């Protein structure tokens, strides 16, 4: 990237992340004498976020929610 002539060119750096769980009760501490089971839903929403930043300082954001059991 540093060796290229960037005059008049726009370069966009893109990154993607996702969140596949919306119920975090399975990750908590419990007392020994209490049950810690939580019913699991069969269909959970998946939230995806795609962001981009270009060399001119512009920011691009895309959010997507999908419900699927496959």
Protein backbone atom coordinates (compact mmCIF):
# COMPACT_ATOMS: atom_id res chain seq x y z
CA UNK A 1 0.00 0.00 0.00
CA UNK A 2 2.74 2.49 0.86
CA UNK A 3 4.60 1.96 -2.42
CA UNK A 4 1.55 2.69 -4.59
CA UNK A 5 0.73 6.09 -6.03
CA UNK A 6 -2.46 7.05 -4.16
CA UNK A 7 -3.00 10.37 -5.93
CA UNK A 8 -6.64 10.62 -6.96
CA UNK A 9 -7.53 7.16 -5.67
CA UNK A 10 -9.91 6.21 -2.89
CA UNK A 11 -9.24 3.07 -0.91
CA UNK A 12 -11.92 1.60 1.36
CA UNK A 13 -11.04 -0.63 4.32
CA UNK A 14 -13.98 -2.95 5.14
CA UNK A 15 -14.56 -5.08 8.23
CA UNK A 16 -17.46 -7.32 9.25
CA UNK A 17 -18.61 -8.65 12.60
CA UNK A 18 -21.69 -10.50 13.76
CA UNK A 19 -23.59 -11.28 16.94
CA UNK A 20 -25.27 -14.68 16.86
CA UNK A 21 -26.63 -14.70 20.41
CA UNK A 22 -29.02 -12.26 22.05
CA UNK A 23 -29.65 -14.10 25.33
CA UNK A 24 -26.57 -14.14 27.55
CA UNK A 25 -28.18 -15.73 30.62
CA UNK A 26 -26.14 -18.90 30.01
CA UNK A 27 -22.95 -16.96 30.78
CA UNK A 28 -23.83 -15.92 34.35
CA UNK A 29 -22.79 -17.19 37.76
CA UNK A 30 -25.34 -19.28 39.72
CA UNK A 31 -25.63 -20.56 43.27
CA UNK A 32 -24.96 -24.26 43.82
CA UNK A 33 -28.46 -25.10 45.02
CA UNK A 34 -30.28 -23.33 42.16
CA UNK A 35 -30.76 -24.73 38.66
CA UNK A 36 -29.02 -22.79 35.94
CA UNK A 37 -30.83 -24.18 32.94
CA UNK A 38 -32.34 -21.76 30.45
CA UNK A 39 -34.56 -22.94 27.61
CA UNK A 40 -32.88 -22.42 24.25
CA UNK A 41 -34.87 -20.91 21.41
CA UNK A 42 -34.74 -22.73 18.10
CA UNK A 43 -34.57 -19.56 15.97
CA UNK A 44 -32.27 -16.74 17.08
CA UNK A 45 -31.72 -13.47 15.25
CA UNK A 46 -28.27 -12.94 13.81
CA UNK A 47 -27.14 -9.33 13.66
CA UNK A 48 -24.37 -8.50 11.19
CA UNK A 49 -22.52 -5.21 10.98
CA UNK A 50 -20.31 -4.22 8.06
CA UNK A 51 -18.29 -1.01 8.34
CA UNK A 52 -16.02 0.72 5.89
CA UNK A 53 -13.64 3.65 6.18
CA UNK A 54 -12.10 5.28 3.14
CA UNK A 55 -8.99 7.39 2.68
CA UNK A 56 -11.07 10.59 2.61
CA UNK A 57 -12.48 9.93 6.09
CA UNK A 58 -15.95 8.82 5.00
CA UNK A 59 -17.59 6.11 7.12
CA UNK A 60 -19.99 3.48 5.77
CA UNK A 61 -22.13 1.31 8.07
CA UNK A 62 -24.54 -1.51 7.24
CA UNK A 63 -26.67 -3.37 9.81
CA UNK A 64 -28.52 -6.57 8.96
CA UNK A 65 -30.78 -8.78 11.05
CA UNK A 66 -31.65 -12.26 9.82
CA UNK A 67 -33.87 -14.89 11.44
CA UNK A 68 -33.11 -18.40 10.29
CA UNK A 69 -32.91 -21.91 11.68
CA UNK A 70 -30.59 -23.22 8.97
